[in-house]
Amino acid sequence: MFAETALNDLVRIPSSTPAITPIFLIGFLLCLCGAYVRLSSYRALGRLFTFEVSIRDQHKLITTYPYSIVRHPAYISLIAPLTGIILCLFGPGSWVFECGWFELLTVKIFAVIITAVHAYIIYVVLARMDNEDKMMKREFGGQWDEWAKDVPYKLVPGIF
């Protein structure tokens, strides 16, 4: 009895074709890949990892995987899941989309707020990335220049 009532409240309209959509799958894969790259970044940095941009005692330039692919893998590993979460929460195939919750203005407003917060976080990360590059160049000089020449892309190989 309770389950039926709860289900009726949560499912505003029955979905005739529940399925994993390409958009939902892309969102899920962005989250999964982001988690893998994030873990790889933490492992590569070890004790040098900090949440604030800083140079630690006996700091060295990390140039091994995943830093041999892009200069800021930890940042793309944050941006990818933030994008993936939006796709999984609000895109075709999501519960919100398939069950008709987007018909409600409050849900639309909530979606806009969540998306705006994610966009702001991405903006902050992108700005921080440039500051980190400047700091690392100042600290490591020619070694950083050589590495930046070998690894020209900041986030996505071949693109950016």
C-alpha atoms as a PDB file:
ATOM      1  CA  MET A   1       0.000   0.000   0.000  1.00  0.00           C
ATOM      2  CA  PHE A   2       2.719   2.479   0.989  1.00  0.00           C
ATOM      3  CA  ALA A   3       4.891   1.608  -2.022  1.00  0.00           C
ATOM      4  CA  GLU A   4       1.990   2.113  -4.413  1.00  0.00           C
ATOM      5  CA  THR A   5       1.146   5.505  -2.894  1.00  0.00           C
ATOM      6  CA  ALA A   6       4.775   6.617  -2.927  1.00  0.00           C
ATOM      7  CA  LEU A   7       5.229   5.473  -6.515  1.00  0.00           C
ATOM      8  CA  ASN A   8       2.111   7.320  -7.615  1.00  0.00           C
ATOM      9  CA  ASP A   9       3.456  10.491  -5.980  1.00  0.00           C
ATOM     10  CA  LEU A  10       6.919  10.145  -7.495  1.00  0.00           C
ATOM     11  CA  VAL A  11       5.849   9.145 -10.994  1.00  0.00           C
ATOM     12  CA  ARG A  12       3.656  11.960 -12.255  1.00  0.00           C
ATOM     13  CA  ILE A  13       3.122  10.371 -15.678  1.00  0.00           C
ATOM     14  CA  PRO A  14       3.913   6.794 -16.645  1.00  0.00           C
ATOM     15  CA  SER A  15       6.812   6.450 -19.054  1.00  0.00           C
ATOM     16  CA  SER A  16       5.862   4.098 -21.855  1.00  0.00           C
ATOM     17  CA  THR A  17       9.429   3.454 -22.930  1.00  0.00           C
ATOM     18  CA  PRO A  18      11.828   3.429 -19.998  1.00  0.00           C
ATOM     19  CA  ALA A  19      15.338   3.062 -21.376  1.00  0.00           C
ATOM     20  CA  ILE A  20      18.873   4.239 -20.961  1.00  0.00           C
ATOM     21  CA  THR A  21      19.159   7.080 -23.452  1.00  0.00           C
ATOM     22  CA  PRO A  22      22.380   8.156 -25.173  1.00  0.00           C
ATOM     23  CA  ILE A  23      22.344  11.441 -23.199  1.00  0.00           C
ATOM     24  CA  PHE A  24      22.012   9.596 -19.892  1.00  0.00           C
ATOM     25  CA  LEU A  25      24.762   7.162 -20.890  1.00  0.00           C
ATOM     26  CA  ILE A  26      27.089  10.030 -21.861  1.00  0.00           C
ATOM     27  CA  GLY A  27      26.420  11.666 -18.484  1.00  0.00           C
ATOM     28  CA  PHE A  28      27.142   8.416 -16.654  1.00  0.00           C
ATOM     29  CA  LEU A  29      30.367   7.867 -18.615  1.00  0.00           C
ATOM     30  CA  LEU A  30      31.505  11.442 -17.900  1.00  0.00           C
ATOM     31  CA  CYS A  31      31.042  10.755 -14.182  1.00  0.00           C
ATOM     32  CA  LEU A  32      32.840   7.413 -14.366  1.00  0.00           C
ATOM     33  CA  CYS A  33      35.769   8.722 -16.429  1.00  0.00           C
ATOM     34  CA  GLY A  34      36.039  11.786 -14.208  1.00  0.00           C
ATOM     35  CA  ALA A  35      36.297   9.591 -11.115  1.00  0.00           C
ATOM     36  CA  TYR A  36      39.040   7.483 -12.715  1.00  0.00           C
ATOM     37  CA  VAL A  37      41.081  10.523 -13.793  1.00  0.00           C
ATOM     38  CA  ARG A  38      40.599  12.151 -10.375  1.00  0.00           C
ATOM     39  CA  LEU A  39      41.886   9.050  -8.601  1.00  0.00           C
ATOM     40  CA  SER A  40      44.833   8.857 -11.016  1.00  0.00           C
ATOM     41  CA  SER A  41      45.611  12.530 -10.343  1.00  0.00           C
ATOM     42  CA  TYR A  42      45.545  12.056  -6.566  1.00  0.00           C
ATOM     43  CA  ARG A  43      47.825   9.038  -6.845  1.00  0.00           C
ATOM     44  CA  ALA A  44      50.296  10.874  -9.082  1.00  0.00           C
ATOM     45  CA  LEU A  45      50.435  13.923  -6.795  1.00  0.00           C
ATOM     46  CA  GLY A  46      50.619  11.988  -3.536  1.00  0.00           C
ATOM     47  CA  ARG A  47      51.590  14.287  -0.659  1.00  0.00           C
ATOM     48  CA  LEU A  48      51.766  17.269  -3.039  1.00  0.00           C
ATOM     49  CA  PHE A  49      47.985  17.357  -3.456  1.00  0.00           C
ATOM     50  CA  THR A  50      46.256  20.335  -1.833  1.00  0.00           C
ATOM     51  CA  PHE A  51      42.873  21.936  -2.366  1.00  0.00           C
ATOM     52  CA  GLU A  52      44.467  25.374  -2.565  1.00  0.00           C
ATOM     53  CA  VAL A  53      46.976  26.345  -5.240  1.00  0.00           C
ATOM     54  CA  SER A  54      50.308  26.289  -3.417  1.00  0.00           C
ATOM     55  CA  ILE A  55      53.928  25.196  -3.521  1.00  0.00           C
ATOM     56  CA  ARG A  56      54.860  22.787  -0.756  1.00  0.00           C
ATOM     57  CA  ASP A  57      58.240  22.082   0.817  1.00  0.00           C
ATOM     58  CA  GLN A  58      60.393  19.967  -1.500  1.00  0.00           C
ATOM     59  CA  HIS A  59      57.809  20.416  -4.248  1.00  0.00           C
ATOM     60  CA  LYS A  60      58.593  18.790  -7.571  1.00  0.00           C
ATOM     61  CA  LEU A  61      56.940  18.998 -10.964  1.00  0.00           C
ATOM     62  CA  ILE A  62      54.802  15.900 -11.588  1.00  0.00           C
ATOM     63  CA  THR A  63      55.051  14.837 -15.223  1.00  0.00           C
ATOM     64  CA  THR A  64      53.902  11.210 -15.015  1.00  0.00           C
ATOM     65  CA  TYR A  65      50.457   9.865 -15.995  1.00  0.00           C
ATOM     66  CA  PRO A  66      47.935  11.535 -16.103  1.00  0.00           C
ATOM     67  CA  TYR A  67      50.054  14.713 -16.114  1.00  0.00           C
ATOM     68  CA  SER A  68      51.855  13.388 -19.187  1.00  0.00           C
ATOM     69  CA  ILE A  69      48.564  13.629 -21.131  1.00  0.00           C
ATOM     70  CA  VAL A  70      47.176  17.011 -20.000  1.00  0.00           C
ATOM     71  CA  ARG A  71      48.506  19.638 -17.603  1.00  0.00           C
ATOM     72  CA  HIS A  72      45.403  19.801 -15.391  1.00  0.00           C
ATOM     73  CA  PRO A  73      43.801  16.342 -15.196  1.00  0.00           C
ATOM     74  CA  ALA A  74      42.374  16.992 -11.729  1.00  0.00           C
ATOM     75  CA  TYR A  75      40.384  19.918 -13.121  1.00  0.00           C
ATOM     76  CA  ILE A  76      38.892  18.046 -16.067  1.00  0.00           C
ATOM     77  CA  SER A  77      38.086  15.253 -13.624  1.00  0.00           C
ATOM     78  CA  LEU A  78      35.926  17.764 -11.755  1.00  0.00           C
ATOM     79  CA  ILE A  79      34.388  19.393 -14.832  1.00  0.00           C
ATOM     80  CA  ALA A  80      33.431  16.092 -16.503  1.00  0.00           C
ATOM     81  CA  PRO A  81      31.326  14.745 -13.602  1.00  0.00           C
ATOM     82  CA  LEU A  82      29.671  18.126 -13.017  1.00  0.00           C
ATOM     83  CA  THR A  83      28.534  18.030 -16.642  1.00  0.00           C
ATOM     84  CA  GLY A  84      27.604  14.359 -16.372  1.00  0.00           C
ATOM     85  CA  ILE A  85      25.473  14.961 -13.286  1.00  0.00           C
ATOM     86  CA  ILE A  86      23.443  17.611 -15.126  1.00  0.00           C
ATOM     87  CA  LEU A  87      22.865  15.220 -18.036  1.00  0.00           C
ATOM     88  CA  CYS A  88      21.897  12.342 -15.723  1.00  0.00           C
ATOM     89  CA  LEU A  89      19.625  14.455 -13.523  1.00  0.00           C
ATOM     90  CA  PHE A  90      17.787  16.458 -16.139  1.00  0.00           C
ATOM     91  CA  GLY A  91      18.330  14.927 -19.591  1.00  0.00           C
ATOM     92  CA  PRO A  92      16.174  12.451 -21.509  1.00  0.00           C
ATOM     93  CA  GLY A  93      16.186   9.147 -19.661  1.00  0.00           C
ATOM     94  CA  SER A  94      16.368  10.770 -16.225  1.00  0.00           C
ATOM     95  CA  TRP A  95      13.629  10.267 -13.675  1.00  0.00           C
ATOM     96  CA  VAL A  96      12.860  14.008 -13.665  1.00  0.00           C
ATOM     97  CA  PHE A  97      12.480  14.091 -17.445  1.00  0.00           C
ATOM     98  CA  GLU A  98      10.683  10.778 -17.977  1.00  0.00           C
ATOM     99  CA  CYS A  99       8.180  11.112 -15.134  1.00  0.00           C
ATOM    100  CA  GLY A 100       6.985  14.560 -16.125  1.00  0.00           C
ATOM    101  CA  TRP A 101       8.518  16.567 -13.301  1.00  0.00           C
ATOM    102  CA  PHE A 102       9.770  19.193 -15.741  1.00  0.00           C
ATOM    103  CA  GLU A 103       6.154  20.275 -16.164  1.00  0.00           C
ATOM    104  CA  LEU A 104       6.438  21.968 -12.760  1.00  0.00           C
ATOM    105  CA  LEU A 105       7.895  25.475 -12.637  1.00  0.00           C
ATOM    106  CA  THR A 106       9.655  24.774  -9.327  1.00  0.00           C
ATOM    107  CA  VAL A 107      11.523  21.844 -10.870  1.00  0.00           C
ATOM    108  CA  LYS A 108      12.550  23.989 -13.835  1.00  0.00           C
ATOM    109  CA  ILE A 109      13.831  26.663 -11.445  1.00  0.00           C
ATOM    110  CA  PHE A 110      15.699  24.027  -9.437  1.00  0.00           C
ATOM    111  CA  ALA A 111      17.311  22.711 -12.643  1.00  0.00           C
ATOM    112  CA  VAL A 112      18.413  26.212 -13.641  1.00  0.00           C
ATOM    113  CA  ILE A 113      19.885  26.868 -10.178  1.00  0.00           C
ATOM    114  CA  ILE A 114      21.800  23.570 -10.106  1.00  0.00           C
ATOM    115  CA  THR A 115      23.086  24.145 -13.642  1.00  0.00           C
ATOM    116  CA  ALA A 116      24.133  27.717 -12.770  1.00  0.00           C
ATOM    117  CA  VAL A 117      26.016  26.532  -9.674  1.00  0.00           C
ATOM    118  CA  HIS A 118      27.826  23.911 -11.755  1.00  0.00           C
ATOM    119  CA  ALA A 119      28.656  26.501 -14.428  1.00  0.00           C
ATOM    120  CA  TYR A 120      30.073  28.842 -11.762  1.00  0.00           C
ATOM    121  CA  ILE A 121      32.241  26.055 -10.323  1.00  0.00           C
ATOM    122  CA  ILE A 122      33.560  25.321 -13.824  1.00  0.00           C
ATOM    123  CA  TYR A 123      34.315  29.031 -14.349  1.00  0.00           C
ATOM    124  CA  VAL A 124      36.260  29.169 -11.067  1.00  0.00           C
ATOM    125  CA  VAL A 125      38.205  26.025 -11.976  1.00  0.00           C
ATOM    126  CA  LEU A 126      39.150  27.435 -15.385  1.00  0.00           C
ATOM    127  CA  ALA A 127      40.360  30.690 -13.796  1.00  0.00           C
ATOM    128  CA  ARG A 128      42.323  28.787 -11.176  1.00  0.00           C
ATOM    129  CA  MET A 129      44.009  26.729 -13.879  1.00  0.00           C
ATOM    130  CA  ASP A 130      45.715  29.791 -15.382  1.00  0.00           C
ATOM    131  CA  ASN A 131      46.871  30.955 -11.945  1.00  0.00           C
ATOM    132  CA  GLU A 132      48.351  27.541 -11.275  1.00  0.00           C
ATOM    133  CA  ASP A 133      50.197  27.539 -14.609  1.00  0.00           C
ATOM    134  CA  LYS A 134      51.748  30.934 -13.802  1.00  0.00           C
ATOM    135  CA  MET A 135      52.783  29.806 -10.326  1.00  0.00           C
ATOM    136  CA  MET A 136      54.308  26.549 -11.595  1.00  0.00           C
ATOM    137  CA  LYS A 137      56.165  28.371 -14.386  1.00  0.00           C
ATOM    138  CA  ARG A 138      57.567  30.822 -11.837  1.00  0.00           C
ATOM    139  CA  GLU A 139      58.609  27.996  -9.489  1.00  0.00           C
ATOM    140  CA  PHE A 140      60.036  25.511 -12.009  1.00  0.00           C
ATOM    141  CA  GLY A 141      61.123  27.796 -14.868  1.00  0.00           C
ATOM    142  CA  GLY A 142      62.756  25.877 -17.723  1.00  0.00           C
ATOM    143  CA  GLN A 143      61.561  22.499 -16.444  1.00  0.00           C
ATOM    144  CA  TRP A 144      57.964  23.737 -16.612  1.00  0.00           C
ATOM    145  CA  ASP A 145      58.550  25.249 -20.076  1.00  0.00           C
ATOM    146  CA  GLU A 146      59.874  21.911 -21.354  1.00  0.00           C
ATOM    147  CA  TRP A 147      56.949  19.991 -19.848  1.00  0.00           C
ATOM    148  CA  ALA A 148      54.404  22.514 -21.171  1.00  0.00           C
ATOM    149  CA  LYS A 149      55.948  22.112 -24.625  1.00  0.00           C
ATOM    150  CA  ASP A 150      55.618  18.312 -24.364  1.00  0.00           C
ATOM    151  CA  VAL A 151      52.115  18.565 -22.845  1.00  0.00           C
ATOM    152  CA  PRO A 152      50.510  21.541 -24.625  1.00  0.00           C
ATOM    153  CA  TYR A 153      46.898  20.797 -23.686  1.00  0.00           C
ATOM    154  CA  LYS A 154      45.466  21.932 -20.382  1.00  0.00           C
ATOM    155  CA  LEU A 155      42.336  19.775 -20.152  1.00  0.00           C
ATOM    156  CA  VAL A 156      41.448  17.762 -23.254  1.00  0.00           C
ATOM    157  CA  PRO A 157      44.149  16.263 -25.492  1.00  0.00           C
ATOM    158  CA  GLY A 158      44.043  17.689 -28.996  1.00  0.00           C
ATOM    159  CA  ILE A 159      41.356  20.254 -28.116  1.00  0.00           C
ATOM    160  CA  PHE A 160      42.167  22.510 -25.135  1.00  0.00           C
END
